[in-house]
PDB file of N, CA and C in Angstrom:
ATOM      1  N   MET A   1      -1.383   4.240   7.536  1.00  0.00           N
ATOM      2  CA  MET A   1      -0.535   3.073   7.481  1.00  0.00           C
ATOM      3  C   MET A   1      -1.130   2.107   6.461  1.00  0.00           C
ATOM      4  N   VAL A   2      -0.268   1.579   5.619  1.00  0.00           N
ATOM      5  CA  VAL A   2      -0.664   0.574   4.643  1.00  0.00           C
ATOM      6  C   VAL A   2       0.198  -0.662   4.882  1.00  0.00           C
ATOM      7  N   ILE A   3      -0.447  -1.814   4.992  1.00  0.00           N
ATOM      8  CA  ILE A   3       0.277  -3.073   5.172  1.00  0.00           C
ATOM      9  C   ILE A   3      -0.084  -3.971   4.003  1.00  0.00           C
ATOM     10  N   ARG A   4       0.936  -4.470   3.308  1.00  0.00           N
ATOM     11  CA  ARG A   4       0.714  -5.309   2.140  1.00  0.00           C
ATOM     12  C   ARG A   4       1.569  -6.563   2.189  1.00  0.00           C
ATOM     13  N   ARG A   5       1.065  -7.604   1.567  1.00  0.00           N
ATOM     14  CA  ARG A   5       1.783  -8.872   1.411  1.00  0.00           C
ATOM     15  C   ARG A   5       2.506  -8.823   0.073  1.00  0.00           C
ATOM     16  N   MET A   6       3.784  -9.167   0.064  1.00  0.00           N
ATOM     17  CA  MET A   6       4.573  -9.215  -1.158  1.00  0.00           C
ATOM     18  C   MET A   6       5.170 -10.607  -1.282  1.00  0.00           C
ATOM     19  N   VAL A   7       5.128 -11.164  -2.491  1.00  0.00           N
ATOM     20  CA  VAL A   7       5.630 -12.514  -2.700  1.00  0.00           C
ATOM     21  C   VAL A   7       6.510 -12.516  -3.944  1.00  0.00           C
ATOM     22  N   ASP A   8       7.696 -13.110  -3.823  1.00  0.00           N
ATOM     23  CA  ASP A   8       8.512 -13.341  -5.016  1.00  0.00           C
ATOM     24  C   ASP A   8       8.619 -14.852  -5.208  1.00  0.00           C
ATOM     25  N   ARG A   9       9.512 -15.306  -6.019  1.00  0.00           N
ATOM     26  CA  ARG A   9       9.586 -16.737  -6.328  1.00  0.00           C
ATOM     27  C   ARG A   9      10.021 -17.595  -5.153  1.00  0.00           C
ATOM     28  N   GLN A  10      10.746 -17.006  -4.217  1.00  0.00           N
ATOM     29  CA  GLN A  10      11.313 -17.816  -3.142  1.00  0.00           C
ATOM     30  C   GLN A  10      10.839 -17.450  -1.745  1.00  0.00           C
ATOM     31  N   ARG A  11      10.397 -16.199  -1.535  1.00  0.00           N
ATOM     32  CA  ARG A  11      10.026 -15.758  -0.189  1.00  0.00           C
ATOM     33  C   ARG A  11       8.769 -14.919  -0.222  1.00  0.00           C
ATOM     34  N   SER A  12       8.198 -14.769   0.959  1.00  0.00           N
ATOM     35  CA  SER A  12       7.066 -13.868   1.149  1.00  0.00           C
ATOM     36  C   SER A  12       7.487 -12.789   2.134  1.00  0.00           C
ATOM     37  N   TYR A  13       6.953 -11.599   1.939  1.00  0.00           N
ATOM     38  CA  TYR A  13       7.329 -10.456   2.766  1.00  0.00           C
ATOM     39  C   TYR A  13       6.090  -9.708   3.223  1.00  0.00           C
ATOM     40  N   THR A  14       6.246  -8.967   4.292  1.00  0.00           N
ATOM     41  CA  THR A  14       5.254  -8.000   4.721  1.00  0.00           C
ATOM     42  C   THR A  14       5.881  -6.633   4.549  1.00  0.00           C
ATOM     43  N   ALA A  15       5.131  -5.736   3.918  1.00  0.00           N
ATOM     44  CA  ALA A  15       5.595  -4.366   3.706  1.00  0.00           C
ATOM     45  C   ALA A  15       4.688  -3.423   4.476  1.00  0.00           C
ATOM     46  N   ILE A  16       5.303  -2.539   5.256  1.00  0.00           N
ATOM     47  CA  ILE A  16       4.554  -1.533   6.010  1.00  0.00           C
ATOM     48  C   ILE A  16       4.974  -0.166   5.494  1.00  0.00           C
ATOM     49  N   PHE A  17       3.980   0.616   5.065  1.00  0.00           N
ATOM     50  CA  PHE A  17       4.218   1.944   4.515  1.00  0.00           C
ATOM     51  C   PHE A  17       3.584   2.989   5.434  1.00  0.00           C
ATOM     52  N   LEU A  18       4.397   3.918   5.902  1.00  0.00           N
ATOM     53  CA  LEU A  18       3.934   5.018   6.738  1.00  0.00           C
ATOM     54  C   LEU A  18       4.213   6.321   6.011  1.00  0.00           C
ATOM     55  N   PRO A  19       3.298   7.277   6.055  1.00  0.00           N
ATOM     56  CA  PRO A  19       3.517   8.550   5.365  1.00  0.00           C
ATOM     57  C   PRO A  19       4.794   9.236   5.850  1.00  0.00           C
ATOM     58  N   GLY A  20       5.617   9.675   4.903  1.00  0.00           N
ATOM     59  CA  GLY A  20       6.834  10.407   5.249  1.00  0.00           C
ATOM     60  C   GLY A  20       7.997   9.554   5.694  1.00  0.00           C
ATOM     61  N   GLU A  21       7.862   8.225   5.644  1.00  0.00           N
ATOM     62  CA  GLU A  21       8.946   7.335   6.065  1.00  0.00           C
ATOM     63  C   GLU A  21       9.254   6.329   4.971  1.00  0.00           C
ATOM     64  N   GLU A  22      10.453   5.776   5.021  1.00  0.00           N
ATOM     65  CA  GLU A  22      10.835   4.727   4.088  1.00  0.00           C
ATOM     66  C   GLU A  22       9.993   3.477   4.360  1.00  0.00           C
ATOM     67  N   PRO A  23       9.641   2.716   3.318  1.00  0.00           N
ATOM     68  CA  PRO A  23       8.892   1.469   3.539  1.00  0.00           C
ATOM     69  C   PRO A  23       9.711   0.486   4.369  1.00  0.00           C
ATOM     70  N   ARG A  24       9.029  -0.268   5.186  1.00  0.00           N
ATOM     71  CA  ARG A  24       9.679  -1.320   5.970  1.00  0.00           C
ATOM     72  C   ARG A  24       9.212  -2.650   5.422  1.00  0.00           C
ATOM     73  N   ILE A  25      10.147  -3.426   4.879  1.00  0.00           N
ATOM     74  CA  ILE A  25       9.828  -4.698   4.235  1.00  0.00           C
ATOM     75  C   ILE A  25      10.661  -5.784   4.889  1.00  0.00           C
ATOM     76  N   PHE A  26       9.991  -6.853   5.341  1.00  0.00           N
ATOM     77  CA  PHE A  26      10.715  -7.931   6.010  1.00  0.00           C
ATOM     78  C   PHE A  26      10.048  -9.264   5.714  1.00  0.00           C
ATOM     79  N   PRO A  27      10.844 -10.353   5.690  1.00  0.00           N
ATOM     80  CA  PRO A  27      10.295 -11.678   5.395  1.00  0.00           C
ATOM     81  C   PRO A  27       9.352 -12.156   6.503  1.00  0.00           C
ATOM     82  N   THR A  28       8.225 -12.734   6.074  1.00  0.00           N
ATOM     83  CA  THR A  28       7.255 -13.284   7.029  1.00  0.00           C
ATOM     84  C   THR A  28       6.567 -14.493   6.421  1.00  0.00           C
ATOM     85  N   THR A  29       6.051 -15.344   7.294  1.00  0.00           N
ATOM     86  CA  THR A  29       5.203 -16.448   6.852  1.00  0.00           C
ATOM     87  C   THR A  29       3.769 -15.930   6.743  1.00  0.00           C
ATOM     88  N   GLU A  30       2.878 -16.741   6.179  1.00  0.00           N
ATOM     89  CA  GLU A  30       1.461 -16.358   6.105  1.00  0.00           C
ATOM     90  C   GLU A  30       0.894 -16.113   7.502  1.00  0.00           C
ATOM     91  N   HIS A  31       1.262 -16.969   8.436  1.00  0.00           N
ATOM     92  CA  HIS A  31       0.779 -16.837   9.812  1.00  0.00           C
ATOM     93  C   HIS A  31       1.266 -15.535  10.445  1.00  0.00           C
ATOM     94  N   GLU A  32       2.532 -15.223  10.270  1.00  0.00           N
ATOM     95  CA  GLU A  32       3.083 -13.985  10.831  1.00  0.00           C
ATOM     96  C   GLU A  32       2.424 -12.761  10.205  1.00  0.00           C
ATOM     97  N   HIS A  33       2.203 -12.804   8.897  1.00  0.00           N
ATOM     98  CA  HIS A  33       1.552 -11.679   8.227  1.00  0.00           C
ATOM     99  C   HIS A  33       0.126 -11.480   8.752  1.00  0.00           C
ATOM    100  N   ALA A  34      -0.601 -12.570   8.915  1.00  0.00           N
ATOM    101  CA  ALA A  34      -1.965 -12.480   9.444  1.00  0.00           C
ATOM    102  C   ALA A  34      -1.978 -11.893  10.853  1.00  0.00           C
ATOM    103  N   ARG A  35      -1.011 -12.265  11.645  1.00  0.00           N
ATOM    104  CA  ARG A  35      -0.926 -11.726  13.010  1.00  0.00           C
ATOM    105  C   ARG A  35      -0.620 -10.231  12.996  1.00  0.00           C
ATOM    106  N   ILE A  36       0.251  -9.801  12.097  1.00  0.00           N
ATOM    107  CA  ILE A  36       0.557  -8.375  11.963  1.00  0.00           C
ATOM    108  C   ILE A  36      -0.709  -7.608  11.591  1.00  0.00           C
ATOM    109  N   LEU A  37      -1.466  -8.135  10.634  1.00  0.00           N
ATOM    110  CA  LEU A  37      -2.725  -7.478  10.273  1.00  0.00           C
ATOM    111  C   LEU A  37      -3.697  -7.436  11.450  1.00  0.00           C
ATOM    112  N   GLN A  38      -3.747  -8.515  12.192  1.00  0.00           N
ATOM    113  CA  GLN A  38      -4.646  -8.574  13.349  1.00  0.00           C
ATOM    114  C   GLN A  38      -4.273  -7.508  14.371  1.00  0.00           C
ATOM    115  N   ILE A  39      -2.998  -7.294  14.570  1.00  0.00           N
ATOM    116  CA  ILE A  39      -2.544  -6.330  15.566  1.00  0.00           C
ATOM    117  C   ILE A  39      -2.715  -4.887  15.088  1.00  0.00           C
ATOM    118  N   TYR A  40      -2.332  -4.626  13.837  1.00  0.00           N
ATOM    119  CA  TYR A  40      -2.248  -3.242  13.362  1.00  0.00           C
ATOM    120  C   TYR A  40      -3.474  -2.736  12.631  1.00  0.00           C
ATOM    121  N   LYS A  41      -4.296  -3.602  12.133  1.00  0.00           N
ATOM    122  CA  LYS A  41      -5.459  -3.161  11.378  1.00  0.00           C
ATOM    123  C   LYS A  41      -6.727  -3.393  12.194  1.00  0.00           C
ATOM    124  N   GLU A  42      -7.711  -2.532  11.967  1.00  0.00           N
ATOM    125  CA  GLU A  42      -9.000  -2.719  12.622  1.00  0.00           C
ATOM    126  C   GLU A  42      -9.653  -3.992  12.095  1.00  0.00           C
ATOM    127  N   ASP A  43     -10.350  -4.706  12.953  1.00  0.00           N
ATOM    128  CA  ASP A  43     -10.943  -5.974  12.575  1.00  0.00           C
ATOM    129  C   ASP A  43     -12.385  -5.866  12.123  1.00  0.00           C
ATOM    130  N   ARG A  44     -12.993  -4.680  12.270  1.00  0.00           N
ATOM    131  CA  ARG A  44     -14.387  -4.497  11.871  1.00  0.00           C
ATOM    132  C   ARG A  44     -14.679  -3.001  11.779  1.00  0.00           C
ATOM    133  N   LEU A  45     -15.850  -2.672  11.291  1.00  0.00           N
ATOM    134  CA  LEU A  45     -16.278  -1.291  11.185  1.00  0.00           C
ATOM    135  C   LEU A  45     -16.579  -0.733  12.580  1.00  0.00           C
ATOM    136  N   HIS A  46     -16.004   0.422  12.882  1.00  0.00           N
ATOM    137  CA  HIS A  46     -16.264   1.100  14.149  1.00  0.00           C
ATOM    138  C   HIS A  46     -16.808   2.483  13.856  1.00  0.00           C
ATOM    139  N   GLN A  47     -17.799   2.923  14.621  1.00  0.00           N
ATOM    140  CA  GLN A  47     -18.386   4.242  14.429  1.00  0.00           C
ATOM    141  C   GLN A  47     -17.325   5.321  14.634  1.00  0.00           C
ATOM    142  N   ASP A  48     -17.295   6.304  13.727  1.00  0.00           N
ATOM    143  CA  ASP A  48     -16.400   7.467  13.779  1.00  0.00           C
ATOM    144  C   ASP A  48     -14.926   7.123  13.607  1.00  0.00           C
ATOM    145  N   ILE A  49     -14.603   5.929  13.097  1.00  0.00           N
ATOM    146  CA  ILE A  49     -13.212   5.551  12.836  1.00  0.00           C
ATOM    147  C   ILE A  49     -13.102   5.140  11.375  1.00  0.00           C
ATOM    148  N   VAL A  50     -12.148   5.727  10.671  1.00  0.00           N
ATOM    149  CA  VAL A  50     -11.912   5.375   9.276  1.00  0.00           C
ATOM    150  C   VAL A  50     -10.873   4.270   9.232  1.00  0.00           C
ATOM    151  N   ASN A  51     -11.253   3.124   8.657  1.00  0.00           N
ATOM    152  CA  ASN A  51     -10.327   2.002   8.506  1.00  0.00           C
ATOM    153  C   ASN A  51     -10.660   1.244   7.230  1.00  0.00           C
ATOM    154  N   ASP A  52     -10.095   0.062   7.036  1.00  0.00           N
ATOM    155  CA  ASP A  52     -10.325  -0.711   5.819  1.00  0.00           C
ATOM    156  C   ASP A  52     -11.789  -1.113   5.636  1.00  0.00           C
ATOM    157  N   PHE A  53     -12.579  -1.045   6.671  1.00  0.00           N
ATOM    158  CA  PHE A  53     -13.970  -1.460   6.582  1.00  0.00           C
ATOM    159  C   PHE A  53     -14.923  -0.277   6.451  1.00  0.00           C
ATOM    160  N   SER A  54     -14.390   0.930   6.370  1.00  0.00           N
ATOM    161  CA  SER A  54     -15.220   2.124   6.230  1.00  0.00           C
ATOM    162  C   SER A  54     -15.888   2.138   4.854  1.00  0.00           C
ATOM    163  N   GLU A  55     -17.086   2.644   4.838  1.00  0.00           N
ATOM    164  CA  GLU A  55     -17.790   2.799   3.577  1.00  0.00           C
ATOM    165  C   GLU A  55     -17.741   4.275   3.211  1.00  0.00           C
ATOM    166  N   PHE A  56     -17.310   4.569   1.993  1.00  0.00           N
ATOM    167  CA  PHE A  56     -17.171   5.951   1.560  1.00  0.00           C
ATOM    168  C   PHE A  56     -18.219   6.270   0.509  1.00  0.00           C
ATOM    169  N   ASP A  57     -18.764   7.470   0.599  1.00  0.00           N
ATOM    170  CA  ASP A  57     -19.683   7.975  -0.404  1.00  0.00           C
ATOM    171  C   ASP A  57     -18.917   9.018  -1.201  1.00  0.00           C
ATOM    172  N   PHE A  58     -18.451   8.623  -2.386  1.00  0.00           N
ATOM    173  CA  PHE A  58     -17.638   9.517  -3.191  1.00  0.00           C
ATOM    174  C   PHE A  58     -18.477  10.413  -4.100  1.00  0.00           C
ATOM    175  N   THR A  59     -19.779  10.434  -3.899  1.00  0.00           N
ATOM    176  CA  THR A  59     -20.612  11.307  -4.713  1.00  0.00           C
ATOM    177  C   THR A  59     -20.443  12.740  -4.264  1.00  0.00           C
ATOM    178  N   ASP A  60     -20.117  13.586  -5.198  1.00  0.00           N
ATOM    179  CA  ASP A  60     -19.930  15.006  -4.886  1.00  0.00           C
ATOM    180  C   ASP A  60     -21.287  15.684  -4.919  1.00  0.00           C
ATOM    181  N   LYS A  61     -21.754  16.118  -3.783  1.00  0.00           N
ATOM    182  CA  LYS A  61     -23.067  16.753  -3.699  1.00  0.00           C
ATOM    183  C   LYS A  61     -22.944  18.249  -3.460  1.00  0.00           C
ATOM    184  N   GLY A  62     -21.745  18.770  -3.563  1.00  0.00           N
ATOM    185  CA  GLY A  62     -21.509  20.188  -3.309  1.00  0.00           C
ATOM    186  C   GLY A  62     -21.754  21.042  -4.541  1.00  0.00           C
ATOM    187  N   PRO A  63     -21.586  22.356  -4.382  1.00  0.00           N
ATOM    188  CA  PRO A  63     -21.781  23.271  -5.513  1.00  0.00           C
ATOM    189  C   PRO A  63     -20.839  22.922  -6.659  1.00  0.00           C
ATOM    190  N   GLY A  64     -21.384  22.988  -7.872  1.00  0.00           N
ATOM    191  CA  GLY A  64     -20.576  22.733  -9.052  1.00  0.00           C
ATOM    192  C   GLY A  64     -20.358  21.264  -9.337  1.00  0.00           C
ATOM    193  N   SER A  65     -21.066  20.382  -8.637  1.00  0.00           N
ATOM    194  CA  SER A  65     -20.859  18.956  -8.882  1.00  0.00           C
ATOM    195  C   SER A  65     -21.429  18.572 -10.238  1.00  0.00           C
ATOM    196  N   ALA A  66     -20.867  17.558 -10.817  1.00  0.00           N
ATOM    197  CA  ALA A  66     -21.304  17.101 -12.145  1.00  0.00           C
ATOM    198  C   ALA A  66     -22.606  16.332 -12.058  1.00  0.00           C
ATOM    199  N   GLY A  67     -23.021  15.957 -10.857  1.00  0.00           N
ATOM    200  CA  GLY A  67     -24.293  15.253 -10.665  1.00  0.00           C
ATOM    201  C   GLY A  67     -24.283  13.830 -11.187  1.00  0.00           C
ATOM    202  N   ARG A  68     -23.145  13.193 -11.149  1.00  0.00           N
ATOM    203  CA  ARG A  68     -23.054  11.813 -11.642  1.00  0.00           C
ATOM    204  C   ARG A  68     -23.707  10.843 -10.722  1.00  0.00           C
TER     205      ARG A  68
END
């Protein structure tokens, strides 16, 4: 799930993107958007859970790696 804030000249929106589904975009205030994030997104790093606070090691250490 991806949740993003979208703003045009006159309104602000919250967009929710789910894999395999049409995006859901609806008008929201800053307060409403923050509440949506609070409800749907993890608020901190949790062991064994991948979320916005996860730290990723993108170094390829497997066979054939470029060793960057």
